[in-house]
Amino acid sequence: MSASTPALLKHLHWLGHDSFRIDRPIVVYIDPWRLPPDSPKADLILVSHHHYDHCSPEDVENIRGAKTLVVANTTAAAKLNAPVRVLSPGKSLEVQGLRVEAVPAYNLDKKFHPRQEGHVGFVLEIGGERLYFAGDTDAIPEMETITCDVALLPVSGTYTMTAEEAAGAAGKIRPRVAVPMHYGAGVAGSADDAETFRRLSPVPVVVLKAETSGG
């Protein structure tokens, strides 16, 4: 990685599909699913919506400690063991020096993620850099208001935007680096979609290697 690469990429682990772990400054998981049994305990767990491949109560409990904060949208919170803090689009919180904002995530021309259900993506401010986890979404107008250094974008099509649409979204967001997600886990999408995204994206793309057999 070059000197211009966002520092937080060194602490970003793709755990397959839409699941990520960030190890700086605290241990943060986003949409944990199919995690190895020896996964580090979480300080913060973020869950974008209730679908099984994003909201896994078993995985959440496996990485949950006595002081872990679990944050989810309304539909996911209903599936998880209390306590869970609900975060709706447009709302934010701070945890041990890390700021988290929930942003809209929804489909424009599909039935899987209706806007009215309040599914979310997240923007995290970490050490002066911003990470955007788009969630299960199409290329929605709200993306034009996102500013970030790293954008995690779904590329599989079917339930989310396609690789081609994700490349267009990257052009609107203009992160320093884009990372493809939502592929290769048997749900939708393949490594070919990630490569198509890399080829078409107007911004630099880093394709991460999944760190679990679930991806």
N, C-alpha and C. Protein backbone atom coordinates (compact mmCIF):
# COMPACT_ATOMS: atom_id res chain seq x y z
N MET A 1 0.84 -1.19 0.00
CA MET A 1 0.00 0.00 0.00
C MET A 1 0.88 1.25 0.00
N SER A 2 0.47 2.25 -0.72
CA SER A 2 1.27 3.45 -0.84
C SER A 2 1.09 4.35 0.37
N ALA A 3 1.95 5.39 0.42
CA ALA A 3 1.88 6.33 1.55
C ALA A 3 0.56 7.08 1.58
N SER A 4 -0.12 7.17 0.42
CA SER A 4 -1.39 7.88 0.36
C SER A 4 -2.57 7.03 0.77
N THR A 5 -2.33 5.73 1.02
CA THR A 5 -3.40 4.82 1.42
C THR A 5 -3.87 5.17 2.83
N PRO A 6 -5.17 5.24 3.06
CA PRO A 6 -5.67 5.53 4.42
C PRO A 6 -5.11 4.56 5.45
N ALA A 7 -4.66 5.11 6.58
CA ALA A 7 -4.05 4.28 7.61
C ALA A 7 -5.00 3.23 8.16
N LEU A 8 -6.29 3.53 8.17
CA LEU A 8 -7.24 2.59 8.78
C LEU A 8 -7.35 1.28 8.00
N LEU A 9 -6.93 1.28 6.73
CA LEU A 9 -6.96 0.03 5.96
C LEU A 9 -6.09 -1.04 6.60
N LYS A 10 -5.04 -0.62 7.29
CA LYS A 10 -4.16 -1.59 7.94
C LYS A 10 -4.87 -2.30 9.09
N HIS A 11 -5.96 -1.72 9.56
CA HIS A 11 -6.69 -2.28 10.70
C HIS A 11 -8.06 -2.83 10.30
N LEU A 12 -8.30 -2.91 8.98
CA LEU A 12 -9.59 -3.36 8.46
C LEU A 12 -9.47 -4.81 7.99
N HIS A 13 -10.32 -5.67 8.52
CA HIS A 13 -10.31 -7.10 8.18
C HIS A 13 -11.66 -7.47 7.57
N TRP A 14 -11.62 -8.02 6.37
CA TRP A 14 -12.84 -8.51 5.73
C TRP A 14 -13.04 -9.95 6.16
N LEU A 15 -14.17 -10.24 6.76
CA LEU A 15 -14.46 -11.56 7.30
C LEU A 15 -15.42 -12.33 6.41
N GLY A 16 -15.55 -11.89 5.16
CA GLY A 16 -16.44 -12.52 4.20
C GLY A 16 -17.77 -11.80 4.09
N HIS A 17 -18.32 -11.80 2.88
CA HIS A 17 -19.62 -11.20 2.61
C HIS A 17 -19.63 -9.71 3.00
N ASP A 18 -20.44 -9.33 3.98
CA ASP A 18 -20.50 -7.93 4.44
C ASP A 18 -19.94 -7.77 5.84
N SER A 19 -19.20 -8.74 6.31
CA SER A 19 -18.72 -8.75 7.69
C SER A 19 -17.29 -8.22 7.77
N PHE A 20 -17.08 -7.27 8.68
CA PHE A 20 -15.77 -6.66 8.85
C PHE A 20 -15.42 -6.54 10.33
N ARG A 21 -14.10 -6.53 10.59
CA ARG A 21 -13.60 -6.20 11.92
C ARG A 21 -12.58 -5.09 11.78
N ILE A 22 -12.65 -4.11 12.66
CA ILE A 22 -11.70 -3.02 12.71
C ILE A 22 -11.01 -3.07 14.07
N ASP A 23 -9.69 -2.99 14.06
CA ASP A 23 -8.94 -3.15 15.31
C ASP A 23 -8.37 -1.84 15.85
N ARG A 24 -8.92 -0.72 15.42
CA ARG A 24 -8.38 0.57 15.86
C ARG A 24 -9.49 1.59 16.00
N PRO A 25 -9.53 2.36 17.08
CA PRO A 25 -8.76 2.26 18.33
C PRO A 25 -9.35 1.22 19.27
N ILE A 26 -10.53 0.73 18.94
CA ILE A 26 -11.17 -0.34 19.69
C ILE A 26 -11.57 -1.42 18.70
N VAL A 27 -12.02 -2.57 19.20
CA VAL A 27 -12.41 -3.67 18.32
C VAL A 27 -13.87 -3.50 17.92
N VAL A 28 -14.08 -3.25 16.62
CA VAL A 28 -15.40 -3.00 16.09
C VAL A 28 -15.74 -4.07 15.05
N TYR A 29 -16.91 -4.66 15.16
CA TYR A 29 -17.42 -5.57 14.13
C TYR A 29 -18.61 -4.91 13.44
N ILE A 30 -18.70 -5.12 12.13
CA ILE A 30 -19.86 -4.69 11.36
C ILE A 30 -20.49 -5.92 10.74
N ASP A 31 -21.78 -6.13 10.99
CA ASP A 31 -22.54 -7.26 10.47
C ASP A 31 -21.80 -8.59 10.63
N PRO A 32 -21.42 -8.97 11.86
CA PRO A 32 -20.68 -10.23 12.05
C PRO A 32 -21.53 -11.44 11.67
N TRP A 33 -20.94 -12.34 10.86
CA TRP A 33 -21.64 -13.52 10.37
C TRP A 33 -20.62 -14.59 10.00
N ARG A 34 -20.86 -15.81 10.44
CA ARG A 34 -19.97 -16.94 10.17
C ARG A 34 -18.55 -16.67 10.68
N LEU A 35 -18.46 -16.17 11.89
CA LEU A 35 -17.15 -15.85 12.44
C LEU A 35 -16.46 -17.11 12.97
N PRO A 36 -15.13 -17.14 12.90
CA PRO A 36 -14.39 -18.24 13.53
C PRO A 36 -14.65 -18.24 15.04
N PRO A 37 -14.62 -19.41 15.69
CA PRO A 37 -14.94 -19.47 17.12
C PRO A 37 -13.95 -18.72 18.00
N ASP A 38 -12.73 -18.51 17.52
CA ASP A 38 -11.73 -17.83 18.33
C ASP A 38 -11.63 -16.33 18.02
N SER A 39 -12.69 -15.76 17.45
CA SER A 39 -12.67 -14.34 17.10
C SER A 39 -12.50 -13.47 18.34
N PRO A 40 -11.74 -12.37 18.23
CA PRO A 40 -11.56 -11.47 19.38
C PRO A 40 -12.90 -10.91 19.85
N LYS A 41 -12.99 -10.67 21.14
CA LYS A 41 -14.19 -10.04 21.68
C LYS A 41 -14.32 -8.61 21.18
N ALA A 42 -15.54 -8.14 21.08
CA ALA A 42 -15.82 -6.82 20.52
C ALA A 42 -15.99 -5.78 21.62
N ASP A 43 -15.56 -4.57 21.30
CA ASP A 43 -15.95 -3.41 22.10
C ASP A 43 -17.25 -2.83 21.57
N LEU A 44 -17.43 -2.90 20.25
CA LEU A 44 -18.59 -2.34 19.59
C LEU A 44 -19.01 -3.25 18.45
N ILE A 45 -20.30 -3.56 18.37
CA ILE A 45 -20.86 -4.35 17.28
C ILE A 45 -21.93 -3.52 16.59
N LEU A 46 -21.81 -3.38 15.28
CA LEU A 46 -22.78 -2.63 14.47
C LEU A 46 -23.52 -3.59 13.55
N VAL A 47 -24.84 -3.51 13.54
CA VAL A 47 -25.66 -4.39 12.71
C VAL A 47 -26.59 -3.53 11.86
N SER A 48 -26.51 -3.70 10.54
CA SER A 48 -27.17 -2.79 9.61
C SER A 48 -28.65 -3.07 9.41
N HIS A 49 -29.04 -4.36 9.44
CA HIS A 49 -30.46 -4.71 9.26
C HIS A 49 -30.65 -6.18 9.62
N HIS A 50 -31.88 -6.66 9.55
CA HIS A 50 -32.25 -7.92 10.17
C HIS A 50 -32.02 -9.17 9.34
N HIS A 51 -31.65 -9.08 8.08
CA HIS A 51 -31.49 -10.28 7.25
C HIS A 51 -30.42 -11.20 7.83
N TYR A 52 -30.62 -12.51 7.67
CA TYR A 52 -29.80 -13.50 8.38
C TYR A 52 -28.31 -13.39 8.10
N ASP A 53 -27.95 -12.93 6.90
CA ASP A 53 -26.54 -12.84 6.54
C ASP A 53 -25.90 -11.53 7.02
N HIS A 54 -26.64 -10.76 7.81
CA HIS A 54 -26.13 -9.53 8.41
C HIS A 54 -26.37 -9.49 9.91
N CYS A 55 -27.49 -10.02 10.31
CA CYS A 55 -27.87 -10.04 11.73
C CYS A 55 -27.89 -11.48 12.21
N SER A 56 -26.82 -11.90 12.85
CA SER A 56 -26.68 -13.27 13.34
C SER A 56 -26.58 -13.23 14.86
N PRO A 57 -27.67 -13.49 15.57
CA PRO A 57 -27.63 -13.45 17.03
C PRO A 57 -26.53 -14.34 17.62
N GLU A 58 -26.29 -15.51 17.01
CA GLU A 58 -25.27 -16.41 17.53
C GLU A 58 -23.87 -15.79 17.44
N ASP A 59 -23.57 -15.17 16.30
CA ASP A 59 -22.26 -14.55 16.15
C ASP A 59 -22.11 -13.35 17.08
N VAL A 60 -23.17 -12.58 17.23
CA VAL A 60 -23.11 -11.44 18.13
C VAL A 60 -22.80 -11.90 19.55
N GLU A 61 -23.45 -12.96 20.00
CA GLU A 61 -23.21 -13.44 21.37
C GLU A 61 -21.80 -14.01 21.53
N ASN A 62 -21.27 -14.61 20.47
CA ASN A 62 -19.93 -15.21 20.56
C ASN A 62 -18.83 -14.17 20.73
N ILE A 63 -19.06 -12.95 20.27
CA ILE A 63 -18.03 -11.92 20.38
C ILE A 63 -18.41 -10.84 21.40
N ARG A 64 -19.51 -11.07 22.06
CA ARG A 64 -20.01 -10.09 23.03
C ARG A 64 -19.38 -10.32 24.39
N GLY A 65 -18.85 -9.24 24.96
CA GLY A 65 -18.33 -9.31 26.32
C GLY A 65 -19.20 -8.51 27.27
N ALA A 66 -18.78 -8.43 28.52
CA ALA A 66 -19.58 -7.76 29.54
C ALA A 66 -19.77 -6.28 29.23
N LYS A 67 -18.80 -5.67 28.54
CA LYS A 67 -18.86 -4.24 28.28
C LYS A 67 -19.09 -3.91 26.80
N THR A 68 -19.41 -4.91 26.00
CA THR A 68 -19.64 -4.69 24.57
C THR A 68 -20.91 -3.88 24.34
N LEU A 69 -20.81 -2.86 23.49
CA LEU A 69 -21.99 -2.10 23.08
C LEU A 69 -22.47 -2.63 21.74
N VAL A 70 -23.73 -3.03 21.68
CA VAL A 70 -24.34 -3.52 20.44
C VAL A 70 -25.27 -2.44 19.91
N VAL A 71 -25.07 -2.07 18.66
CA VAL A 71 -25.85 -1.01 18.02
C VAL A 71 -26.46 -1.58 16.74
N ALA A 72 -27.75 -1.36 16.54
CA ALA A 72 -28.43 -1.92 15.38
C ALA A 72 -29.57 -1.02 14.96
N ASN A 73 -30.03 -1.22 13.74
CA ASN A 73 -31.25 -0.53 13.32
C ASN A 73 -32.44 -1.20 14.00
N THR A 74 -33.61 -0.66 13.83
CA THR A 74 -34.79 -1.15 14.55
C THR A 74 -35.11 -2.61 14.25
N THR A 75 -35.06 -3.01 12.97
CA THR A 75 -35.45 -4.37 12.60
C THR A 75 -34.45 -5.39 13.12
N ALA A 76 -33.17 -5.05 13.13
CA ALA A 76 -32.16 -5.97 13.65
C ALA A 76 -32.21 -6.04 15.17
N ALA A 77 -32.44 -4.92 15.82
CA ALA A 77 -32.48 -4.89 17.28
C ALA A 77 -33.55 -5.85 17.82
N ALA A 78 -34.63 -6.01 17.06
CA ALA A 78 -35.71 -6.90 17.50
C ALA A 78 -35.29 -8.37 17.52
N LYS A 79 -34.23 -8.72 16.80
CA LYS A 79 -33.77 -10.12 16.74
C LYS A 79 -32.66 -10.41 17.75
N LEU A 80 -32.07 -9.37 18.33
CA LEU A 80 -30.89 -9.55 19.17
C LEU A 80 -31.24 -9.50 20.65
N ASN A 81 -30.42 -10.15 21.45
CA ASN A 81 -30.60 -10.11 22.90
C ASN A 81 -30.28 -8.73 23.44
N ALA A 82 -31.09 -8.26 24.37
CA ALA A 82 -30.84 -6.97 25.01
C ALA A 82 -29.59 -7.07 25.89
N PRO A 83 -28.92 -5.93 26.13
CA PRO A 83 -29.28 -4.59 25.66
C PRO A 83 -28.74 -4.30 24.27
N VAL A 84 -29.52 -3.58 23.48
CA VAL A 84 -29.13 -3.13 22.15
C VAL A 84 -29.53 -1.67 22.01
N ARG A 85 -28.61 -0.86 21.53
CA ARG A 85 -28.93 0.54 21.27
C ARG A 85 -29.39 0.68 19.82
N VAL A 86 -30.55 1.25 19.61
CA VAL A 86 -31.09 1.43 18.26
C VAL A 86 -30.56 2.73 17.68
N LEU A 87 -30.08 2.63 16.44
CA LEU A 87 -29.57 3.81 15.74
C LEU A 87 -30.28 3.89 14.39
N SER A 88 -31.02 4.96 14.19
CA SER A 88 -31.78 5.18 12.96
C SER A 88 -31.01 6.08 12.01
N PRO A 89 -31.38 6.08 10.72
CA PRO A 89 -30.69 6.94 9.77
C PRO A 89 -30.66 8.40 10.23
N GLY A 90 -29.48 9.00 10.14
CA GLY A 90 -29.32 10.39 10.55
C GLY A 90 -28.88 10.57 11.99
N LYS A 91 -28.90 9.49 12.78
CA LYS A 91 -28.50 9.57 14.18
C LYS A 91 -27.05 9.12 14.34
N SER A 92 -26.41 9.56 15.44
CA SER A 92 -25.01 9.22 15.65
C SER A 92 -24.74 9.00 17.13
N LEU A 93 -23.58 8.43 17.43
CA LEU A 93 -23.14 8.23 18.80
C LEU A 93 -21.61 8.21 18.82
N GLU A 94 -21.04 8.33 20.01
CA GLU A 94 -19.60 8.25 20.19
C GLU A 94 -19.28 7.16 21.20
N VAL A 95 -18.27 6.35 20.86
CA VAL A 95 -17.85 5.24 21.73
C VAL A 95 -16.33 5.27 21.84
N GLN A 96 -15.82 5.59 23.00
CA GLN A 96 -14.37 5.55 23.27
C GLN A 96 -13.57 6.24 22.16
N GLY A 97 -13.98 7.44 21.81
CA GLY A 97 -13.25 8.22 20.83
C GLY A 97 -13.58 7.93 19.39
N LEU A 98 -14.51 7.04 19.15
CA LEU A 98 -14.92 6.68 17.79
C LEU A 98 -16.35 7.17 17.56
N ARG A 99 -16.56 7.90 16.49
CA ARG A 99 -17.90 8.43 16.18
C ARG A 99 -18.55 7.57 15.11
N VAL A 100 -19.80 7.21 15.32
CA VAL A 100 -20.56 6.38 14.39
C VAL A 100 -21.84 7.10 14.01
N GLU A 101 -22.08 7.24 12.72
CA GLU A 101 -23.34 7.80 12.22
C GLU A 101 -24.04 6.75 11.37
N ALA A 102 -25.34 6.60 11.57
CA ALA A 102 -26.14 5.73 10.72
C ALA A 102 -26.65 6.53 9.52
N VAL A 103 -26.53 5.93 8.34
CA VAL A 103 -26.96 6.59 7.11
C VAL A 103 -27.92 5.67 6.37
N PRO A 104 -28.77 6.20 5.49
CA PRO A 104 -29.75 5.38 4.81
C PRO A 104 -29.12 4.30 3.92
N ALA A 105 -29.80 3.16 3.83
CA ALA A 105 -29.43 2.08 2.91
C ALA A 105 -30.73 1.43 2.45
N TYR A 106 -30.98 1.46 1.15
CA TYR A 106 -32.25 0.91 0.67
C TYR A 106 -32.18 0.65 -0.83
N ASN A 107 -33.17 -0.09 -1.33
CA ASN A 107 -33.29 -0.38 -2.75
C ASN A 107 -34.15 0.66 -3.46
N LEU A 108 -33.79 0.94 -4.69
CA LEU A 108 -34.57 1.85 -5.52
C LEU A 108 -35.58 1.09 -6.38
N ASP A 109 -35.20 -0.07 -6.88
CA ASP A 109 -36.05 -0.80 -7.82
C ASP A 109 -36.16 -2.28 -7.47
N LYS A 110 -35.97 -2.60 -6.19
CA LYS A 110 -36.07 -3.97 -5.70
C LYS A 110 -36.89 -3.97 -4.42
N LYS A 111 -37.38 -5.13 -4.04
CA LYS A 111 -38.27 -5.23 -2.88
C LYS A 111 -37.56 -5.63 -1.59
N PHE A 112 -36.26 -5.92 -1.66
CA PHE A 112 -35.59 -6.58 -0.54
C PHE A 112 -35.29 -5.64 0.63
N HIS A 113 -35.00 -4.39 0.33
CA HIS A 113 -34.62 -3.43 1.38
C HIS A 113 -35.42 -2.14 1.20
N PRO A 114 -36.69 -2.16 1.60
CA PRO A 114 -37.53 -0.98 1.42
C PRO A 114 -37.03 0.19 2.27
N ARG A 115 -37.12 1.38 1.73
CA ARG A 115 -36.64 2.54 2.45
C ARG A 115 -37.35 2.70 3.79
N GLN A 116 -38.65 2.39 3.84
CA GLN A 116 -39.43 2.62 5.05
C GLN A 116 -39.04 1.70 6.21
N GLU A 117 -38.27 0.64 5.96
CA GLU A 117 -37.86 -0.24 7.04
C GLU A 117 -36.65 0.30 7.81
N GLY A 118 -36.03 1.35 7.30
CA GLY A 118 -34.98 2.00 8.06
C GLY A 118 -33.68 1.22 8.16
N HIS A 119 -33.36 0.43 7.14
CA HIS A 119 -32.06 -0.23 7.13
C HIS A 119 -30.97 0.84 7.02
N VAL A 120 -29.78 0.52 7.53
CA VAL A 120 -28.75 1.55 7.58
C VAL A 120 -27.41 1.07 7.04
N GLY A 121 -26.59 2.05 6.67
CA GLY A 121 -25.16 1.90 6.56
C GLY A 121 -24.56 2.70 7.70
N PHE A 122 -23.23 2.71 7.77
CA PHE A 122 -22.56 3.42 8.85
C PHE A 122 -21.39 4.23 8.32
N VAL A 123 -21.17 5.41 8.90
CA VAL A 123 -19.95 6.17 8.68
C VAL A 123 -19.23 6.24 10.02
N LEU A 124 -17.99 5.76 10.04
CA LEU A 124 -17.19 5.74 11.26
C LEU A 124 -16.04 6.73 11.10
N GLU A 125 -15.84 7.55 12.11
CA GLU A 125 -14.68 8.44 12.16
C GLU A 125 -13.64 7.81 13.07
N ILE A 126 -12.49 7.45 12.49
CA ILE A 126 -11.47 6.69 13.20
C ILE A 126 -10.12 7.37 12.99
N GLY A 127 -9.56 7.92 14.05
CA GLY A 127 -8.24 8.51 13.96
C GLY A 127 -8.11 9.57 12.88
N GLY A 128 -9.14 10.38 12.71
CA GLY A 128 -9.09 11.45 11.72
C GLY A 128 -9.45 11.01 10.31
N GLU A 129 -9.80 9.73 10.13
CA GLU A 129 -10.23 9.22 8.82
C GLU A 129 -11.67 8.72 8.93
N ARG A 130 -12.32 8.65 7.78
CA ARG A 130 -13.73 8.26 7.74
C ARG A 130 -13.93 7.01 6.89
N LEU A 131 -14.64 6.05 7.46
CA LEU A 131 -14.96 4.79 6.79
C LEU A 131 -16.46 4.74 6.56
N TYR A 132 -16.86 4.48 5.31
CA TYR A 132 -18.28 4.36 4.96
C TYR A 132 -18.59 2.91 4.64
N PHE A 133 -19.44 2.31 5.44
CA PHE A 133 -19.98 0.96 5.19
C PHE A 133 -21.38 1.17 4.62
N ALA A 134 -21.56 0.88 3.34
CA ALA A 134 -22.80 1.26 2.66
C ALA A 134 -24.00 0.41 3.06
N GLY A 135 -23.77 -0.83 3.53
CA GLY A 135 -24.89 -1.71 3.82
C GLY A 135 -25.49 -2.28 2.55
N ASP A 136 -26.64 -2.91 2.68
CA ASP A 136 -27.33 -3.47 1.51
C ASP A 136 -28.14 -2.36 0.85
N THR A 137 -27.65 -1.86 -0.25
CA THR A 137 -28.23 -0.66 -0.83
C THR A 137 -28.01 -0.60 -2.33
N ASP A 138 -28.83 0.19 -2.98
CA ASP A 138 -28.57 0.59 -4.35
C ASP A 138 -27.77 1.90 -4.32
N ALA A 139 -27.51 2.44 -5.49
CA ALA A 139 -26.80 3.72 -5.58
C ALA A 139 -27.80 4.84 -5.33
N ILE A 140 -28.01 5.15 -4.07
CA ILE A 140 -29.07 6.08 -3.66
C ILE A 140 -28.58 7.53 -3.67
N PRO A 141 -29.49 8.48 -3.80
CA PRO A 141 -29.08 9.90 -3.86
C PRO A 141 -28.29 10.36 -2.64
N GLU A 142 -28.58 9.78 -1.46
CA GLU A 142 -27.90 10.21 -0.24
C GLU A 142 -26.39 9.98 -0.29
N MET A 143 -25.94 9.10 -1.17
CA MET A 143 -24.50 8.85 -1.28
C MET A 143 -23.73 10.10 -1.69
N GLU A 144 -24.39 11.00 -2.38
CA GLU A 144 -23.71 12.21 -2.84
C GLU A 144 -23.33 13.12 -1.68
N THR A 145 -23.91 12.89 -0.50
CA THR A 145 -23.58 13.70 0.68
C THR A 145 -22.52 13.03 1.56
N ILE A 146 -22.10 11.82 1.22
CA ILE A 146 -21.13 11.09 2.02
C ILE A 146 -19.72 11.57 1.71
N THR A 147 -18.96 11.88 2.74
CA THR A 147 -17.53 12.15 2.59
C THR A 147 -16.77 11.11 3.39
N CYS A 148 -15.80 10.46 2.75
CA CYS A 148 -15.08 9.39 3.43
C CYS A 148 -13.73 9.16 2.76
N ASP A 149 -12.87 8.50 3.49
CA ASP A 149 -11.57 8.08 2.97
C ASP A 149 -11.64 6.67 2.39
N VAL A 150 -12.44 5.82 3.01
CA VAL A 150 -12.61 4.44 2.56
C VAL A 150 -14.10 4.16 2.43
N ALA A 151 -14.51 3.61 1.28
CA ALA A 151 -15.92 3.25 1.07
C ALA A 151 -16.01 1.75 0.84
N LEU A 152 -16.81 1.08 1.67
CA LEU A 152 -17.10 -0.35 1.52
C LEU A 152 -18.43 -0.46 0.79
N LEU A 153 -18.38 -0.95 -0.46
CA LEU A 153 -19.55 -0.91 -1.33
C LEU A 153 -19.95 -2.30 -1.81
N PRO A 154 -21.25 -2.65 -1.74
CA PRO A 154 -21.71 -3.93 -2.27
C PRO A 154 -21.64 -3.93 -3.79
N VAL A 155 -21.29 -5.09 -4.36
CA VAL A 155 -21.09 -5.16 -5.81
C VAL A 155 -21.81 -6.33 -6.47
N SER A 156 -22.62 -7.07 -5.74
CA SER A 156 -23.13 -8.36 -6.23
C SER A 156 -24.33 -8.27 -7.15
N GLY A 157 -25.07 -7.16 -7.10
CA GLY A 157 -26.36 -7.16 -7.78
C GLY A 157 -27.35 -8.02 -7.02
N THR A 158 -28.47 -8.35 -7.64
CA THR A 158 -29.58 -9.15 -7.07
C THR A 158 -30.25 -8.42 -5.91
N TYR A 159 -29.57 -8.30 -4.77
CA TYR A 159 -30.15 -7.65 -3.59
C TYR A 159 -29.62 -6.23 -3.40
N THR A 160 -28.56 -5.90 -4.10
CA THR A 160 -27.90 -4.60 -3.96
C THR A 160 -27.54 -4.08 -5.35
N MET A 161 -26.79 -2.98 -5.39
CA MET A 161 -26.33 -2.49 -6.67
C MET A 161 -25.32 -3.46 -7.29
N THR A 162 -25.22 -3.41 -8.62
CA THR A 162 -24.27 -4.23 -9.34
C THR A 162 -22.87 -3.63 -9.27
N ALA A 163 -21.89 -4.36 -9.77
CA ALA A 163 -20.52 -3.84 -9.82
C ALA A 163 -20.45 -2.56 -10.64
N GLU A 164 -21.20 -2.53 -11.74
CA GLU A 164 -21.20 -1.34 -12.58
C GLU A 164 -21.83 -0.15 -11.85
N GLU A 165 -22.93 -0.42 -11.15
CA GLU A 165 -23.59 0.66 -10.39
C GLU A 165 -22.72 1.11 -9.21
N ALA A 166 -22.02 0.16 -8.59
CA ALA A 166 -21.12 0.51 -7.50
C ALA A 166 -19.97 1.39 -7.98
N ALA A 167 -19.48 1.12 -9.18
CA ALA A 167 -18.43 1.97 -9.75
C ALA A 167 -18.95 3.39 -9.95
N GLY A 168 -20.20 3.51 -10.40
CA GLY A 168 -20.80 4.83 -10.54
C GLY A 168 -20.95 5.52 -9.20
N ALA A 169 -21.33 4.75 -8.17
CA ALA A 169 -21.45 5.32 -6.83
C ALA A 169 -20.10 5.79 -6.31
N ALA A 170 -19.05 5.01 -6.57
CA ALA A 170 -17.71 5.41 -6.14
C ALA A 170 -17.30 6.73 -6.78
N GLY A 171 -17.75 6.93 -8.02
CA GLY A 171 -17.45 8.19 -8.70
C GLY A 171 -18.14 9.38 -8.07
N LYS A 172 -19.29 9.15 -7.47
CA LYS A 172 -20.01 10.23 -6.80
C LYS A 172 -19.44 10.49 -5.40
N ILE A 173 -19.07 9.42 -4.70
CA ILE A 173 -18.57 9.56 -3.34
C ILE A 173 -17.12 10.05 -3.33
N ARG A 174 -16.32 9.55 -4.27
CA ARG A 174 -14.91 9.93 -4.41
C ARG A 174 -14.10 9.66 -3.15
N PRO A 175 -14.13 8.44 -2.62
CA PRO A 175 -13.25 8.11 -1.50
C PRO A 175 -11.81 8.00 -1.99
N ARG A 176 -10.87 8.00 -1.07
CA ARG A 176 -9.48 7.75 -1.45
C ARG A 176 -9.30 6.31 -1.92
N VAL A 177 -10.05 5.39 -1.31
CA VAL A 177 -10.00 3.97 -1.65
C VAL A 177 -11.40 3.39 -1.53
N ALA A 178 -11.78 2.51 -2.47
CA ALA A 178 -13.03 1.77 -2.37
C ALA A 178 -12.72 0.28 -2.20
N VAL A 179 -13.56 -0.40 -1.43
CA VAL A 179 -13.40 -1.83 -1.16
C VAL A 179 -14.71 -2.53 -1.50
N PRO A 180 -14.70 -3.52 -2.40
CA PRO A 180 -15.94 -4.24 -2.72
C PRO A 180 -16.32 -5.21 -1.62
N MET A 181 -17.63 -5.42 -1.45
CA MET A 181 -18.14 -6.38 -0.48
C MET A 181 -19.43 -6.98 -1.02
N HIS A 182 -20.06 -7.84 -0.23
CA HIS A 182 -21.31 -8.52 -0.59
C HIS A 182 -21.13 -9.41 -1.83
N TYR A 183 -20.18 -10.33 -1.70
CA TYR A 183 -19.97 -11.33 -2.76
C TYR A 183 -19.20 -12.50 -2.17
N GLY A 184 -19.27 -13.64 -2.85
CA GLY A 184 -18.43 -14.77 -2.52
C GLY A 184 -18.83 -15.60 -1.32
N ALA A 185 -20.02 -15.39 -0.77
CA ALA A 185 -20.42 -16.14 0.42
C ALA A 185 -21.61 -17.07 0.14
N GLY A 186 -21.91 -17.25 -1.14
CA GLY A 186 -23.03 -18.11 -1.49
C GLY A 186 -24.38 -17.44 -1.43
N VAL A 187 -24.41 -16.14 -1.18
CA VAL A 187 -25.66 -15.39 -1.14
C VAL A 187 -25.94 -14.75 -2.49
N ALA A 188 -24.98 -14.01 -2.99
CA ALA A 188 -25.04 -13.39 -4.31
C ALA A 188 -23.66 -12.86 -4.64
N GLY A 189 -23.33 -12.85 -5.93
CA GLY A 189 -22.07 -12.25 -6.35
C GLY A 189 -20.88 -13.18 -6.23
N SER A 190 -19.82 -12.83 -6.95
CA SER A 190 -18.61 -13.64 -6.98
C SER A 190 -17.39 -12.73 -7.08
N ALA A 191 -16.21 -13.34 -7.07
CA ALA A 191 -14.97 -12.59 -7.22
C ALA A 191 -14.93 -11.84 -8.54
N ASP A 192 -15.63 -12.35 -9.54
CA ASP A 192 -15.69 -11.64 -10.83
C ASP A 192 -16.32 -10.26 -10.68
N ASP A 193 -17.33 -10.16 -9.80
CA ASP A 193 -17.97 -8.86 -9.57
C ASP A 193 -16.98 -7.88 -8.93
N ALA A 194 -16.17 -8.39 -8.02
CA ALA A 194 -15.16 -7.53 -7.39
C ALA A 194 -14.15 -7.04 -8.42
N GLU A 195 -13.76 -7.92 -9.34
CA GLU A 195 -12.80 -7.53 -10.37
C GLU A 195 -13.42 -6.56 -11.37
N THR A 196 -14.69 -6.76 -11.69
CA THR A 196 -15.38 -5.81 -12.57
C THR A 196 -15.44 -4.43 -11.93
N PHE A 197 -15.74 -4.42 -10.64
CA PHE A 197 -15.76 -3.15 -9.91
C PHE A 197 -14.38 -2.49 -9.93
N ARG A 198 -13.34 -3.27 -9.69
CA ARG A 198 -11.99 -2.72 -9.70
C ARG A 198 -11.65 -2.12 -11.08
N ARG A 199 -12.07 -2.81 -12.12
CA ARG A 199 -11.75 -2.34 -13.47
C ARG A 199 -12.50 -1.07 -13.84
N LEU A 200 -13.73 -0.93 -13.37
CA LEU A 200 -14.57 0.20 -13.78
C LEU A 200 -14.51 1.40 -12.84
N SER A 201 -14.07 1.18 -11.62
CA SER A 201 -14.10 2.25 -10.62
C SER A 201 -13.19 3.42 -11.00
N PRO A 202 -13.68 4.65 -10.87
CA PRO A 202 -12.85 5.82 -11.14
C PRO A 202 -11.93 6.19 -9.98
N VAL A 203 -12.03 5.46 -8.88
CA VAL A 203 -11.14 5.69 -7.73
C VAL A 203 -10.38 4.39 -7.45
N PRO A 204 -9.25 4.47 -6.75
CA PRO A 204 -8.49 3.25 -6.44
C PRO A 204 -9.32 2.23 -5.67
N VAL A 205 -9.12 0.96 -6.00
CA VAL A 205 -9.86 -0.12 -5.37
C VAL A 205 -8.88 -1.10 -4.73
N VAL A 206 -9.19 -1.51 -3.50
CA VAL A 206 -8.45 -2.57 -2.82
C VAL A 206 -9.41 -3.74 -2.62
N VAL A 207 -9.08 -4.89 -3.19
CA VAL A 207 -9.88 -6.09 -3.00
C VAL A 207 -9.24 -6.87 -1.87
N LEU A 208 -9.93 -6.95 -0.75
CA LEU A 208 -9.39 -7.63 0.42
C LEU A 208 -9.59 -9.15 0.31
N LYS A 209 -8.73 -9.88 0.95
CA LYS A 209 -8.86 -11.32 1.03
C LYS A 209 -9.68 -11.67 2.28
N ALA A 210 -10.68 -12.51 2.10
CA ALA A 210 -11.52 -12.88 3.24
C ALA A 210 -10.69 -13.65 4.27
N GLU A 211 -10.87 -13.31 5.53
CA GLU A 211 -10.10 -13.93 6.61
C GLU A 211 -10.88 -15.01 7.34
N THR A 212 -11.90 -15.56 6.70
CA THR A 212 -12.67 -16.66 7.27
C THR A 212 -13.20 -17.51 6.15
N SER A 213 -13.42 -18.78 6.41
CA SER A 213 -13.95 -19.69 5.39
C SER A 213 -15.37 -19.34 5.00
N GLY A 214 -16.04 -18.52 5.83
CA GLY A 214 -17.40 -18.12 5.49
C GLY A 214 -17.48 -17.23 4.27
N GLY A 215 -16.37 -16.62 3.83
CA GLY A 215 -16.38 -15.74 2.69
C GLY A 215 -15.82 -16.35 1.47
